[in-house]
């Protein structure tokens, strides 16, 4: 039986996912976006993207819910729970509601309960990659009562949905942990290259970083996390020197000062002397040291 897919919110997620699904042969896709319905500053972009992706924009949430058997809520996290509450108040054709926002696990569980009371399955979806790169094939981790059904339904169209152990919220928990690194890396790169540009060193810094990081990421992560236990004090001083130069160049060292705070926290554990200046060889060894020091 053909299924109509509905998007609540038609930003990057709706656009890239719909475009890929349509190319893969998926049938009808409808979407409601308040910014388009209100004729706001993004209405033209939403309209042109919907046309390009072969998506029907509807004028109200109620209209979309009356058409779609599967609803994917792709709103900013701060709106997702209130939107779910509103959606749960309408008569709907939906039998599966999916939320792919970065809302907190507790909010995902609340959404699941809201829809369970209506006899609707719920999936908590966490996208673990950049949509512009992957499109609808972006790796997704899913949990909740409707996760397996969502995966079964969408896998034939090329979506890559893996199931997480646990209830709704388990997938978003992984996403939020990952976000600290990915969004932090973005902010750190921006600050680093503001600094590099002011120093006239942007190309050599870019090439040097690329060479340093051109190894399997697991190796880099293990090396850096373990080395933190013996080199944090020295590294905090080094970044402190960077901060002074950044200030001289008129750059606010937001991320750099946070790096110093984190390094000083590690240095205060006193593990440099205890380990004789030799980093642990494995991450489980690091985790055990963190545990005994009350660091986690």
Protein backbone atom coordinates (compact mmCIF):
# COMPACT_ATOMS: atom_id res chain seq x y z
CA UNK A 1 0.00 0.00 0.00
CA UNK A 2 1.32 3.45 -0.91
CA UNK A 3 2.09 5.62 2.10
CA UNK A 4 1.95 9.41 2.23
CA UNK A 5 4.84 10.94 4.12
CA UNK A 6 4.39 14.28 5.84
CA UNK A 7 7.02 16.70 7.10
CA UNK A 8 6.32 19.03 9.98
CA UNK A 9 8.81 21.77 9.18
CA UNK A 10 10.45 21.99 5.78
CA UNK A 11 13.98 23.20 6.37
CA UNK A 12 17.17 21.36 5.46
CA UNK A 13 15.95 18.01 6.78
CA UNK A 14 12.70 18.04 4.84
CA UNK A 15 14.33 19.34 1.69
CA UNK A 16 17.30 16.97 1.48
CA UNK A 17 15.38 13.95 2.71
CA UNK A 18 12.42 14.52 0.35
CA UNK A 19 14.65 15.20 -2.62
CA UNK A 20 16.51 11.93 -2.10
CA UNK A 21 13.40 9.88 -1.39
CA UNK A 22 11.66 11.17 -4.51
CA UNK A 23 14.71 10.32 -6.59
CA UNK A 24 14.58 6.82 -5.06
CA UNK A 25 10.97 6.39 -6.16
CA UNK A 26 9.00 7.30 -3.04
CA UNK A 27 5.42 8.40 -3.70
CA UNK A 28 3.50 11.29 -2.19
CA UNK A 29 5.20 13.68 0.24
CA UNK A 30 3.42 16.63 1.84
CA UNK A 31 4.74 19.25 4.22
CA UNK A 32 3.60 22.03 6.51
CA UNK A 33 5.94 24.81 7.55
CA UNK A 34 4.61 27.74 9.55
CA UNK A 35 7.25 30.03 8.04
CA UNK A 36 5.87 29.33 4.57
CA UNK A 37 2.22 29.54 5.60
CA UNK A 38 2.81 32.92 7.28
CA UNK A 39 4.61 34.33 4.26
CA UNK A 40 7.71 35.16 6.32
CA UNK A 41 11.25 35.85 5.07
CA UNK A 42 11.89 32.15 4.37
CA UNK A 43 8.65 31.50 2.49
CA UNK A 44 10.18 31.88 -0.96
CA UNK A 45 13.06 29.52 -0.17
CA UNK A 46 10.70 26.93 1.31
CA UNK A 47 8.40 27.17 -1.69
CA UNK A 48 11.13 26.80 -4.28
CA UNK A 49 12.75 23.90 -2.41
CA UNK A 50 9.41 22.11 -2.10
CA UNK A 51 8.82 22.49 -5.83
CA UNK A 52 12.31 21.22 -6.62
CA UNK A 53 11.88 18.21 -4.32
CA UNK A 54 8.38 17.36 -5.59
CA UNK A 55 6.73 18.06 -2.24
CA UNK A 56 3.21 19.43 -1.77
CA UNK A 57 3.10 22.30 0.72
CA UNK A 58 -0.16 22.49 2.66
CA UNK A 59 -1.50 25.50 4.51
CA UNK A 60 -2.03 24.08 7.99
CA UNK A 61 -0.78 21.45 10.41
CA UNK A 62 -4.24 19.93 10.50
CA UNK A 63 -4.26 19.55 6.71
CA UNK A 64 -0.90 17.77 6.76
CA UNK A 65 -1.98 15.45 9.59
CA UNK A 66 -5.11 14.55 7.67
CA UNK A 67 -3.05 13.37 4.69
CA UNK A 68 0.09 11.72 6.05
CA UNK A 69 0.23 8.20 7.47
CA UNK A 70 3.82 8.82 8.56
CA UNK A 71 4.83 12.20 9.97
CA UNK A 72 8.44 13.32 10.38
CA UNK A 73 8.80 16.31 12.68
CA UNK A 74 11.95 18.18 11.64
CA UNK A 75 11.71 21.34 13.71
CA UNK A 76 14.35 23.07 15.85
CA UNK A 77 14.52 21.26 19.18
CA UNK A 78 13.06 24.17 21.17
CA UNK A 79 9.78 23.84 19.25
CA UNK A 80 9.51 20.09 18.85
CA UNK A 81 7.70 19.17 22.09
CA UNK A 82 5.09 21.94 21.81
CA UNK A 83 4.51 21.00 18.17
CA UNK A 84 4.06 17.35 19.15
CA UNK A 85 1.52 18.36 21.79
CA UNK A 86 -0.37 20.39 19.20
CA UNK A 87 -0.26 17.56 16.67
CA UNK A 88 -1.52 15.05 19.24
CA UNK A 89 -4.59 17.22 19.71
CA UNK A 90 -5.80 16.81 16.13
CA UNK A 91 -7.59 13.99 14.39
CA UNK A 92 -4.93 12.45 12.19
CA UNK A 93 -4.29 9.84 9.53
CA UNK A 94 -0.86 9.22 11.03
CA UNK A 95 -0.01 5.83 12.43
CA UNK A 96 3.66 6.69 12.99
CA UNK A 97 5.15 9.95 14.27
CA UNK A 98 8.91 10.45 13.98
CA UNK A 99 10.84 13.26 15.65
CA UNK A 100 14.35 13.90 14.28
CA UNK A 101 15.11 17.00 16.34
CA UNK A 102 17.81 17.22 19.00
CA UNK A 103 15.24 17.49 21.81
CA UNK A 104 16.26 16.05 25.17
CA UNK A 105 15.62 12.34 25.86
CA UNK A 106 12.98 13.21 28.47
CA UNK A 107 11.08 15.23 25.85
CA UNK A 108 11.27 12.37 23.36
CA UNK A 109 9.79 10.05 25.99
CA UNK A 110 7.00 12.54 26.63
CA UNK A 111 6.25 12.67 22.91
CA UNK A 112 6.12 8.88 22.76
CA UNK A 113 3.58 8.83 25.60
CA UNK A 114 1.47 11.54 23.94
CA UNK A 115 1.14 9.52 20.75
CA UNK A 116 0.77 6.17 22.52
CA UNK A 117 -2.41 7.54 24.07
CA UNK A 118 -3.68 8.11 20.51
CA UNK A 119 -2.64 4.64 19.34
CA UNK A 120 0.21 6.07 17.25
CA UNK A 121 3.72 4.62 17.22
CA UNK A 122 6.66 6.94 17.87
CA UNK A 123 10.27 6.94 16.67
CA UNK A 124 13.08 9.04 18.08
CA UNK A 125 15.47 9.64 15.17
CA UNK A 126 19.01 10.96 15.54
CA UNK A 127 20.82 11.98 12.35
CA UNK A 128 24.54 11.25 12.70
CA UNK A 129 25.99 13.09 9.72
CA UNK A 130 25.67 16.22 7.57
CA UNK A 131 22.54 16.27 5.42
CA UNK A 132 24.09 18.25 2.53
CA UNK A 133 26.67 15.46 2.21
CA UNK A 134 24.47 12.39 2.66
CA UNK A 135 20.97 13.58 1.75
CA UNK A 136 18.30 11.01 2.64
CA UNK A 137 21.00 8.34 3.16
CA UNK A 138 22.37 10.16 6.23
CA UNK A 139 23.10 7.61 8.98
CA UNK A 140 20.21 7.64 11.46
CA UNK A 141 19.95 5.97 14.85
CA UNK A 142 16.37 5.30 15.95
CA UNK A 143 14.67 4.20 19.15
CA UNK A 144 11.13 4.04 20.45
CA UNK A 145 8.02 2.00 19.74
CA UNK A 146 7.94 2.81 16.03
CA UNK A 147 11.67 2.68 15.26
CA UNK A 148 11.70 -0.77 13.64
CA UNK A 149 8.61 -0.01 11.56
CA UNK A 150 10.17 3.25 10.32
CA UNK A 151 13.37 1.44 9.38
CA UNK A 152 11.46 -1.33 7.61
CA UNK A 153 9.40 1.19 5.66
CA UNK A 154 12.23 3.49 4.57
CA UNK A 155 15.17 1.13 4.01
CA UNK A 156 13.90 0.08 0.55
CA UNK A 157 14.26 3.74 -0.50
CA UNK A 158 17.90 3.93 0.57
CA UNK A 159 17.56 5.36 4.06
CA UNK A 160 20.10 4.01 6.55
CA UNK A 161 18.32 3.58 9.87
CA UNK A 162 19.96 1.57 12.64
CA UNK A 163 18.11 0.68 15.82
CA UNK A 164 19.31 1.79 19.23
CA UNK A 165 18.70 -0.29 22.32
CA UNK A 166 16.24 1.29 24.69
CA UNK A 167 13.12 3.47 24.59
CA UNK A 168 12.53 6.80 22.88
CA UNK A 169 15.33 9.11 23.96
CA UNK A 170 18.08 6.53 23.58
CA UNK A 171 18.89 7.71 20.06
CA UNK A 172 18.75 11.42 20.87
CA UNK A 173 21.06 10.83 23.83
CA UNK A 174 23.74 9.55 21.44
CA UNK A 175 23.16 12.54 19.17
CA UNK A 176 23.56 15.04 22.01
CA UNK A 177 26.81 13.46 23.19
CA UNK A 178 28.13 13.55 19.62
CA UNK A 179 27.00 17.17 19.21
CA UNK A 180 29.38 18.38 21.90
CA UNK A 181 32.26 17.28 19.69
CA UNK A 182 30.87 18.17 16.28
CA UNK A 183 29.52 21.61 17.17
CA UNK A 184 32.50 22.26 19.41
CA UNK A 185 34.82 21.34 16.54
CA UNK A 186 33.01 23.77 14.27
CA UNK A 187 33.31 26.59 16.82
CA UNK A 188 36.96 25.74 17.43
CA UNK A 189 37.72 25.73 13.70
CA UNK A 190 36.08 29.14 13.28
CA UNK A 191 38.12 30.60 16.14
CA UNK A 192 41.33 28.92 14.96
CA UNK A 193 40.98 30.33 11.46
CA UNK A 194 40.05 33.80 12.66
CA UNK A 195 43.38 33.60 14.48
CA UNK A 196 45.19 32.07 11.49
CA UNK A 197 43.85 34.71 9.12
CA UNK A 198 44.94 37.54 11.39
CA UNK A 199 48.35 35.91 11.67
CA UNK A 200 48.66 35.43 7.90
CA UNK A 201 49.04 31.70 8.41
CA UNK A 202 45.71 30.25 7.24
CA UNK A 203 47.04 28.03 4.43
CA UNK A 204 49.96 26.55 6.31
CA UNK A 205 47.76 25.93 9.37
CA UNK A 206 45.15 24.20 7.21
CA UNK A 207 47.76 21.97 5.57
CA UNK A 208 49.44 21.19 8.87
CA UNK A 209 46.19 20.22 10.58
CA UNK A 210 45.19 18.06 7.61
CA UNK A 211 48.50 16.18 7.78
CA UNK A 212 48.27 15.72 11.56
CA UNK A 213 44.71 14.40 11.43
CA UNK A 214 45.15 12.24 8.33
CA UNK A 215 45.03 9.01 10.34
CA UNK A 216 42.12 6.84 11.51
CA UNK A 217 40.09 8.99 13.89
CA UNK A 218 40.00 6.27 16.53
CA UNK A 219 43.79 6.49 16.80
CA UNK A 220 43.71 10.28 17.15
CA UNK A 221 40.96 10.13 19.78
CA UNK A 222 42.75 7.50 21.87
CA UNK A 223 46.06 9.34 21.68
CA UNK A 224 44.64 12.74 22.63
CA UNK A 225 42.39 11.52 25.44
CA UNK A 226 45.19 9.47 27.02
CA UNK A 227 47.82 12.20 26.60
CA UNK A 228 45.55 14.64 28.44
CA UNK A 229 46.34 12.80 31.68
CA UNK A 230 50.04 13.65 31.48
CA UNK A 231 50.34 16.74 29.30
CA UNK A 232 47.35 18.88 30.34
CA UNK A 233 49.32 21.33 32.48
CA UNK A 234 51.89 22.05 29.76
CA UNK A 235 49.21 22.34 27.13
CA UNK A 236 47.17 24.75 29.24
CA UNK A 237 50.22 27.03 29.44
CA UNK A 238 50.75 26.79 25.68
CA UNK A 239 47.16 27.72 24.91
CA UNK A 240 47.51 30.56 27.41
CA UNK A 241 50.26 31.97 25.22
CA UNK A 242 47.95 31.64 22.24
CA UNK A 243 45.25 33.54 24.11
CA UNK A 244 47.60 36.45 24.76
CA UNK A 245 48.48 36.66 21.08
CA UNK A 246 44.83 36.42 20.07
CA UNK A 247 44.00 39.34 22.33
CA UNK A 248 46.85 41.35 20.83
CA UNK A 249 45.31 40.69 17.41
CA UNK A 250 41.85 41.75 18.52
CA UNK A 251 40.29 38.25 18.57
CA UNK A 252 38.05 37.26 21.47
CA UNK A 253 39.40 33.86 22.66
CA UNK A 254 36.09 32.25 23.59
CA UNK A 255 36.97 28.67 22.71
CA UNK A 256 40.63 28.99 23.65
CA UNK A 257 39.79 30.11 27.18
CA UNK A 258 37.39 27.17 27.52
CA UNK A 259 40.22 24.86 26.37
CA UNK A 260 42.42 26.21 29.18
CA UNK A 261 39.69 25.58 31.77
CA UNK A 262 39.27 22.00 30.60
CA UNK A 263 43.03 21.35 30.55
CA UNK A 264 43.50 22.80 34.03
CA UNK A 265 40.71 20.55 35.29
CA UNK A 266 42.61 17.55 33.95
CA UNK A 267 45.94 18.79 35.30
CA UNK A 268 44.43 19.07 38.79
CA UNK A 269 43.93 15.29 38.86
CA UNK A 270 47.65 14.91 39.51
CA UNK A 271 47.98 11.96 37.14
CA UNK A 272 51.12 13.24 35.38
CA UNK A 273 53.28 12.34 38.35
CA UNK A 274 51.36 9.18 39.22
CA UNK A 275 51.79 7.84 35.69
CA UNK A 276 55.43 8.85 35.52
CA UNK A 277 54.71 10.97 32.46
CA UNK A 278 53.60 7.97 30.38
CA UNK A 279 50.03 8.09 28.99
CA UNK A 280 47.78 5.03 29.31
CA UNK A 281 47.70 2.82 26.24
CA UNK A 282 43.94 2.22 26.05
CA UNK A 283 40.73 4.13 26.63
CA UNK A 284 39.45 1.62 29.24
CA UNK A 285 42.58 2.46 31.27
CA UNK A 286 41.72 6.15 30.96
CA UNK A 287 38.12 5.55 32.00
CA UNK A 288 39.27 3.62 35.07
CA UNK A 289 41.55 6.50 36.09
CA UNK A 290 38.66 8.94 35.62
CA UNK A 291 36.50 6.72 37.82
CA UNK A 292 39.00 6.43 40.64
CA UNK A 293 39.58 10.20 40.56
CA UNK A 294 35.85 10.96 40.61
CA UNK A 295 36.28 12.65 37.24
CA UNK A 296 33.19 11.11 35.66
